[in-house]
Amino acid sequence: CIVRLHMDHNSIEFINPETFYGLTSLKLLHLEGNMLQELHRDTFVTFRYSHIFKMSSLKHIYLSDNALTSIPSDLLSSIPEIESIYLHGNQWFCDCNLKWLSELNERQPGAIKCKRDRNYPNGQICPLCTTPSVSRGKDILQLPPSVFACVPPNIHSPLKIRNSTLQEEGD
């Protein structure tokens, strides 16, 4: 049975949602240093019953140093015993779609890990926001959920008529 799986630094761009299905003893998964841009919500499911009940035996997931900008809010819903997830070195878009990550950090402090490294301030590198600009460079773990907001786009149309009134026909 496979307990630890190292798939790090392999230029992996995509993981099929059923890749780890059947690996019910899998506890640790290293995927750091790849080229992952997206993850399906069922990526880490290791056991499934009738497409309804989905579980994962994973406890430790390494996703650092990929090309992730967001991850589905229900990605960890099938992993009730998650102990650590490493997310640093990605280009996180810290909007309302990533708010759940901040909420997870409040519910399970210490589950989202930082990499210890003396070359960084405070001796560690944590997941940082890349956008929006108000959060750029800030540690996700230090931001309250209220910061993770989605702002509707401001659309500027060249067809917009300013300071004019339309007169009805016949005036």
C-alpha atoms as a PDB file:
ATOM      1  CA  CYS A   1       0.000   0.000   0.000  1.00  0.00           C
ATOM      2  CA  ILE A   2       1.175   3.511  -0.824  1.00  0.00           C
ATOM      3  CA  VAL A   3       1.407   5.848   2.170  1.00  0.00           C
ATOM      4  CA  ARG A   4       3.686   8.563   0.722  1.00  0.00           C
ATOM      5  CA  LEU A   5       3.683   9.719  -2.883  1.00  0.00           C
ATOM      6  CA  HIS A   6       6.297  12.138  -4.230  1.00  0.00           C
ATOM      7  CA  MET A   7       5.322  13.683  -7.563  1.00  0.00           C
ATOM      8  CA  ASP A   8       7.190  16.936  -7.035  1.00  0.00           C
ATOM      9  CA  HIS A   9       9.226  18.766  -9.707  1.00  0.00           C
ATOM     10  CA  ASN A  10       7.804  16.809 -12.651  1.00  0.00           C
ATOM     11  CA  SER A  11       6.298  19.624 -14.783  1.00  0.00           C
ATOM     12  CA  ILE A  12       2.789  18.298 -14.079  1.00  0.00           C
ATOM     13  CA  GLU A  13       0.155  20.653 -15.497  1.00  0.00           C
ATOM     14  CA  PHE A  14      -3.049  18.755 -14.739  1.00  0.00           C
ATOM     15  CA  ILE A  15      -4.211  16.018 -12.376  1.00  0.00           C
ATOM     16  CA  ASN A  16      -7.224  13.934 -13.331  1.00  0.00           C
ATOM     17  CA  PRO A  17      -9.845  13.953 -10.526  1.00  0.00           C
ATOM     18  CA  GLU A  18      -9.638  10.152 -10.224  1.00  0.00           C
ATOM     19  CA  THR A  19      -5.833   9.933 -10.083  1.00  0.00           C
ATOM     20  CA  PHE A  20      -5.673   9.038  -6.384  1.00  0.00           C
ATOM     21  CA  TYR A  21      -8.880   7.014  -6.278  1.00  0.00           C
ATOM     22  CA  GLY A  22      -8.268   3.671  -4.575  1.00  0.00           C
ATOM     23  CA  LEU A  23      -5.143   4.835  -2.716  1.00  0.00           C
ATOM     24  CA  THR A  24      -6.940   4.572   0.633  1.00  0.00           C
ATOM     25  CA  SER A  25      -3.697   4.405   2.650  1.00  0.00           C
ATOM     26  CA  LEU A  26      -2.240   7.569   1.102  1.00  0.00           C
ATOM     27  CA  LYS A  27      -1.377  10.037   3.870  1.00  0.00           C
ATOM     28  CA  LEU A  28       1.233  12.349   2.321  1.00  0.00           C
ATOM     29  CA  LEU A  29       1.280  13.829  -1.200  1.00  0.00           C
ATOM     30  CA  HIS A  30       4.088  15.995  -2.604  1.00  0.00           C
ATOM     31  CA  LEU A  31       3.055  17.998  -5.675  1.00  0.00           C
ATOM     32  CA  GLU A  32       5.250  21.059  -5.178  1.00  0.00           C
ATOM     33  CA  GLY A  33       7.399  22.517  -7.938  1.00  0.00           C
ATOM     34  CA  ASN A  34       5.090  21.528 -10.780  1.00  0.00           C
ATOM     35  CA  MET A  35       3.085  23.661 -13.218  1.00  0.00           C
ATOM     36  CA  LEU A  36      -0.398  23.115 -11.791  1.00  0.00           C
ATOM     37  CA  GLN A  37      -2.763  25.974 -12.629  1.00  0.00           C
ATOM     38  CA  GLU A  38      -6.066  24.461 -11.482  1.00  0.00           C
ATOM     39  CA  LEU A  39      -7.298  21.679  -9.252  1.00  0.00           C
ATOM     40  CA  HIS A  40     -10.627  19.898  -9.568  1.00  0.00           C
ATOM     41  CA  ARG A  41     -12.684  19.685  -6.371  1.00  0.00           C
ATOM     42  CA  ASP A  42     -12.345  15.873  -6.424  1.00  0.00           C
ATOM     43  CA  THR A  43      -8.581  15.820  -7.046  1.00  0.00           C
ATOM     44  CA  PHE A  44      -7.721  14.348  -3.649  1.00  0.00           C
ATOM     45  CA  VAL A  45     -10.620  11.883  -3.279  1.00  0.00           C
ATOM     46  CA  THR A  46      -9.205   8.423  -2.483  1.00  0.00           C
ATOM     47  CA  PHE A  47     -12.476   6.626  -1.695  1.00  0.00           C
ATOM     48  CA  ARG A  48     -15.948   7.099  -3.155  1.00  0.00           C
ATOM     49  CA  TYR A  49     -19.283   5.408  -2.697  1.00  0.00           C
ATOM     50  CA  SER A  50     -21.997   5.929  -5.322  1.00  0.00           C
ATOM     51  CA  HIS A  51     -20.581   9.317  -6.466  1.00  0.00           C
ATOM     52  CA  ILE A  52     -22.146  10.875  -3.363  1.00  0.00           C
ATOM     53  CA  PHE A  53     -19.961   9.926  -0.429  1.00  0.00           C
ATOM     54  CA  LYS A  54     -16.384  11.065  -1.097  1.00  0.00           C
ATOM     55  CA  MET A  55     -13.463  10.749   1.306  1.00  0.00           C
ATOM     56  CA  SER A  56      -9.722  11.140   1.339  1.00  0.00           C
ATOM     57  CA  SER A  57      -7.164   9.533   3.600  1.00  0.00           C
ATOM     58  CA  LEU A  58      -4.670  12.359   3.001  1.00  0.00           C
ATOM     59  CA  LYS A  59      -3.291  14.271   5.965  1.00  0.00           C
ATOM     60  CA  HIS A  60      -0.431  16.246   4.373  1.00  0.00           C
ATOM     61  CA  ILE A  61      -0.520  17.975   0.957  1.00  0.00           C
ATOM     62  CA  TYR A  62       2.313  19.972  -0.608  1.00  0.00           C
ATOM     63  CA  LEU A  63       1.111  22.330  -3.371  1.00  0.00           C
ATOM     64  CA  SER A  64       3.801  25.010  -3.060  1.00  0.00           C
ATOM     65  CA  ASP A  65       5.668  26.490  -6.023  1.00  0.00           C
ATOM     66  CA  ASN A  66       3.075  25.812  -8.708  1.00  0.00           C
ATOM     67  CA  ALA A  67       1.077  28.229 -10.899  1.00  0.00           C
ATOM     68  CA  LEU A  68      -2.096  28.189  -8.798  1.00  0.00           C
ATOM     69  CA  THR A  69      -4.095  31.410  -8.414  1.00  0.00           C
ATOM     70  CA  SER A  70      -7.119  29.923  -6.648  1.00  0.00           C
ATOM     71  CA  ILE A  71      -8.419  26.562  -5.454  1.00  0.00           C
ATOM     72  CA  PRO A  72     -12.014  25.366  -5.183  1.00  0.00           C
ATOM     73  CA  SER A  73     -13.684  26.082  -1.850  1.00  0.00           C
ATOM     74  CA  ASP A  74     -14.751  22.451  -1.511  1.00  0.00           C
ATOM     75  CA  LEU A  75     -11.324  20.993  -2.378  1.00  0.00           C
ATOM     76  CA  LEU A  76     -10.688  19.964   1.234  1.00  0.00           C
ATOM     77  CA  SER A  77     -14.281  18.976   2.050  1.00  0.00           C
ATOM     78  CA  SER A  78     -13.458  15.303   1.460  1.00  0.00           C
ATOM     79  CA  ILE A  79     -10.352  15.501   3.680  1.00  0.00           C
ATOM     80  CA  PRO A  80     -11.643  15.618   7.263  1.00  0.00           C
ATOM     81  CA  GLU A  81      -8.279  14.822   8.838  1.00  0.00           C
ATOM     82  CA  ILE A  82      -6.098  17.354   7.017  1.00  0.00           C
ATOM     83  CA  GLU A  83      -3.159  18.283   9.225  1.00  0.00           C
ATOM     84  CA  SER A  84      -1.031  20.337   6.858  1.00  0.00           C
ATOM     85  CA  ILE A  85      -1.228  21.964   3.461  1.00  0.00           C
ATOM     86  CA  TYR A  86       1.649  23.945   1.965  1.00  0.00           C
ATOM     87  CA  LEU A  87       0.613  26.684  -0.475  1.00  0.00           C
ATOM     88  CA  HIS A  88       3.518  29.183  -0.656  1.00  0.00           C
ATOM     89  CA  GLY A  89       5.119  30.110  -3.972  1.00  0.00           C
ATOM     90  CA  ASN A  90       1.861  30.401  -5.927  1.00  0.00           C
ATOM     91  CA  GLN A  91       0.291  33.521  -7.449  1.00  0.00           C
ATOM     92  CA  TRP A  92      -2.797  33.742  -5.191  1.00  0.00           C
ATOM     93  CA  PHE A  93      -5.703  35.902  -6.327  1.00  0.00           C
ATOM     94  CA  CYS A  94      -7.110  36.895  -2.931  1.00  0.00           C
ATOM     95  CA  ASP A  95     -10.747  37.615  -3.731  1.00  0.00           C
ATOM     96  CA  CYS A  96     -14.039  36.169  -2.459  1.00  0.00           C
ATOM     97  CA  ASN A  97     -13.250  32.824  -4.123  1.00  0.00           C
ATOM     98  CA  LEU A  98     -10.321  32.335  -1.726  1.00  0.00           C
ATOM     99  CA  LYS A  99     -12.127  33.624   1.380  1.00  0.00           C
ATOM    100  CA  TRP A 100     -12.707  30.033   2.529  1.00  0.00           C
ATOM    101  CA  LEU A 101      -8.946  29.594   2.932  1.00  0.00           C
ATOM    102  CA  SER A 102      -8.823  32.404   5.482  1.00  0.00           C
ATOM    103  CA  GLU A 103     -11.844  30.904   7.236  1.00  0.00           C
ATOM    104  CA  LEU A 104     -10.104  27.505   7.306  1.00  0.00           C
ATOM    105  CA  ASN A 105      -7.089  29.152   8.903  1.00  0.00           C
ATOM    106  CA  GLU A 106      -9.349  30.558  11.645  1.00  0.00           C
ATOM    107  CA  ARG A 107     -11.092  27.175  12.214  1.00  0.00           C
ATOM    108  CA  GLN A 108      -7.935  25.073  12.051  1.00  0.00           C
ATOM    109  CA  PRO A 109      -4.976  27.287  12.986  1.00  0.00           C
ATOM    110  CA  GLY A 110      -1.736  25.719  11.858  1.00  0.00           C
ATOM    111  CA  ALA A 111      -3.211  23.557   9.075  1.00  0.00           C
ATOM    112  CA  ILE A 112      -1.935  25.943   6.383  1.00  0.00           C
ATOM    113  CA  LYS A 113       1.825  25.781   6.778  1.00  0.00           C
ATOM    114  CA  CYS A 114       4.649  28.138   5.992  1.00  0.00           C
ATOM    115  CA  LYS A 115       8.059  26.930   4.836  1.00  0.00           C
ATOM    116  CA  ARG A 116      10.836  27.570   7.314  1.00  0.00           C
ATOM    117  CA  ASP A 117      13.676  29.419   5.604  1.00  0.00           C
ATOM    118  CA  ARG A 118      16.189  31.773   7.231  1.00  0.00           C
ATOM    119  CA  ASN A 119      16.481  33.799   4.010  1.00  0.00           C
ATOM    120  CA  TYR A 120      12.989  35.248   4.497  1.00  0.00           C
ATOM    121  CA  PRO A 121      11.670  37.761   7.041  1.00  0.00           C
ATOM    122  CA  ASN A 122      10.526  36.002  10.221  1.00  0.00           C
ATOM    123  CA  GLY A 123      12.441  32.901   9.053  1.00  0.00           C
ATOM    124  CA  GLN A 124       9.632  31.549   6.886  1.00  0.00           C
ATOM    125  CA  ILE A 125       7.793  31.948   3.581  1.00  0.00           C
ATOM    126  CA  CYS A 126       4.004  31.818   3.692  1.00  0.00           C
ATOM    127  CA  PRO A 127       1.360  31.953   0.941  1.00  0.00           C
ATOM    128  CA  LEU A 128       1.164  35.539  -0.333  1.00  0.00           C
ATOM    129  CA  CYS A 129      -1.485  37.407  -2.289  1.00  0.00           C
ATOM    130  CA  THR A 130      -0.497  38.558  -5.775  1.00  0.00           C
ATOM    131  CA  THR A 131      -3.736  40.395  -6.525  1.00  0.00           C
ATOM    132  CA  PRO A 132      -5.768  42.518  -5.950  1.00  0.00           C
ATOM    133  CA  SER A 133      -3.308  45.372  -5.466  1.00  0.00           C
ATOM    134  CA  VAL A 134      -4.554  46.202  -1.933  1.00  0.00           C
ATOM    135  CA  SER A 135      -3.470  42.711  -0.799  1.00  0.00           C
ATOM    136  CA  ARG A 136      -0.366  42.291  -2.996  1.00  0.00           C
ATOM    137  CA  GLY A 137       2.532  40.793  -1.059  1.00  0.00           C
ATOM    138  CA  LYS A 138       0.485  40.209   2.090  1.00  0.00           C
ATOM    139  CA  ASP A 139       0.486  36.905   3.950  1.00  0.00           C
ATOM    140  CA  ILE A 140      -2.840  35.110   3.418  1.00  0.00           C
ATOM    141  CA  LEU A 141      -2.640  33.733   6.944  1.00  0.00           C
ATOM    142  CA  GLN A 142      -2.551  37.248   8.413  1.00  0.00           C
ATOM    143  CA  LEU A 143      -5.571  38.559   6.512  1.00  0.00           C
ATOM    144  CA  PRO A 144      -9.074  38.371   8.008  1.00  0.00           C
ATOM    145  CA  PRO A 145     -11.846  36.816   5.866  1.00  0.00           C
ATOM    146  CA  SER A 146     -13.421  40.272   5.376  1.00  0.00           C
ATOM    147  CA  VAL A 147     -10.493  41.302   3.136  1.00  0.00           C
ATOM    148  CA  PHE A 148     -11.329  38.587   0.598  1.00  0.00           C
ATOM    149  CA  ALA A 149     -13.971  40.414  -1.424  1.00  0.00           C
ATOM    150  CA  CYS A 150     -15.130  40.380  -5.021  1.00  0.00           C
ATOM    151  CA  VAL A 151     -15.670  43.773  -6.539  1.00  0.00           C
ATOM    152  CA  PRO A 152     -17.990  43.988  -9.533  1.00  0.00           C
ATOM    153  CA  PRO A 153     -16.171  45.190 -12.633  1.00  0.00           C
ATOM    154  CA  ASN A 154     -16.400  48.856 -13.531  1.00  0.00           C
ATOM    155  CA  ILE A 155     -17.330  48.924 -17.199  1.00  0.00           C
ATOM    156  CA  HIS A 156     -16.616  52.062 -19.176  1.00  0.00           C
ATOM    157  CA  SER A 157     -18.557  52.258 -22.391  1.00  0.00           C
ATOM    158  CA  PRO A 158     -17.739  54.698 -25.186  1.00  0.00           C
ATOM    159  CA  LEU A 159     -21.472  54.704 -25.915  1.00  0.00           C
ATOM    160  CA  LYS A 160     -22.381  56.277 -22.596  1.00  0.00           C
ATOM    161  CA  ILE A 161     -23.868  59.742 -23.005  1.00  0.00           C
ATOM    162  CA  ARG A 162     -22.830  62.141 -20.272  1.00  0.00           C
ATOM    163  CA  ASN A 163     -24.777  65.161 -19.070  1.00  0.00           C
ATOM    164  CA  SER A 164     -27.361  64.960 -21.790  1.00  0.00           C
ATOM    165  CA  THR A 165     -31.049  64.469 -21.790  1.00  0.00           C
ATOM    166  CA  LEU A 166     -33.011  62.665 -24.408  1.00  0.00           C
ATOM    167  CA  GLN A 167     -35.999  64.500 -25.749  1.00  0.00           C
ATOM    168  CA  GLU A 168     -39.112  62.619 -26.672  1.00  0.00           C
ATOM    169  CA  GLU A 169     -40.116  62.542 -30.312  1.00  0.00           C
ATOM    170  CA  GLY A 170     -42.393  65.367 -31.271  1.00  0.00           C
ATOM    171  CA  ASP A 171     -40.884  67.983 -28.944  1.00  0.00           C
END
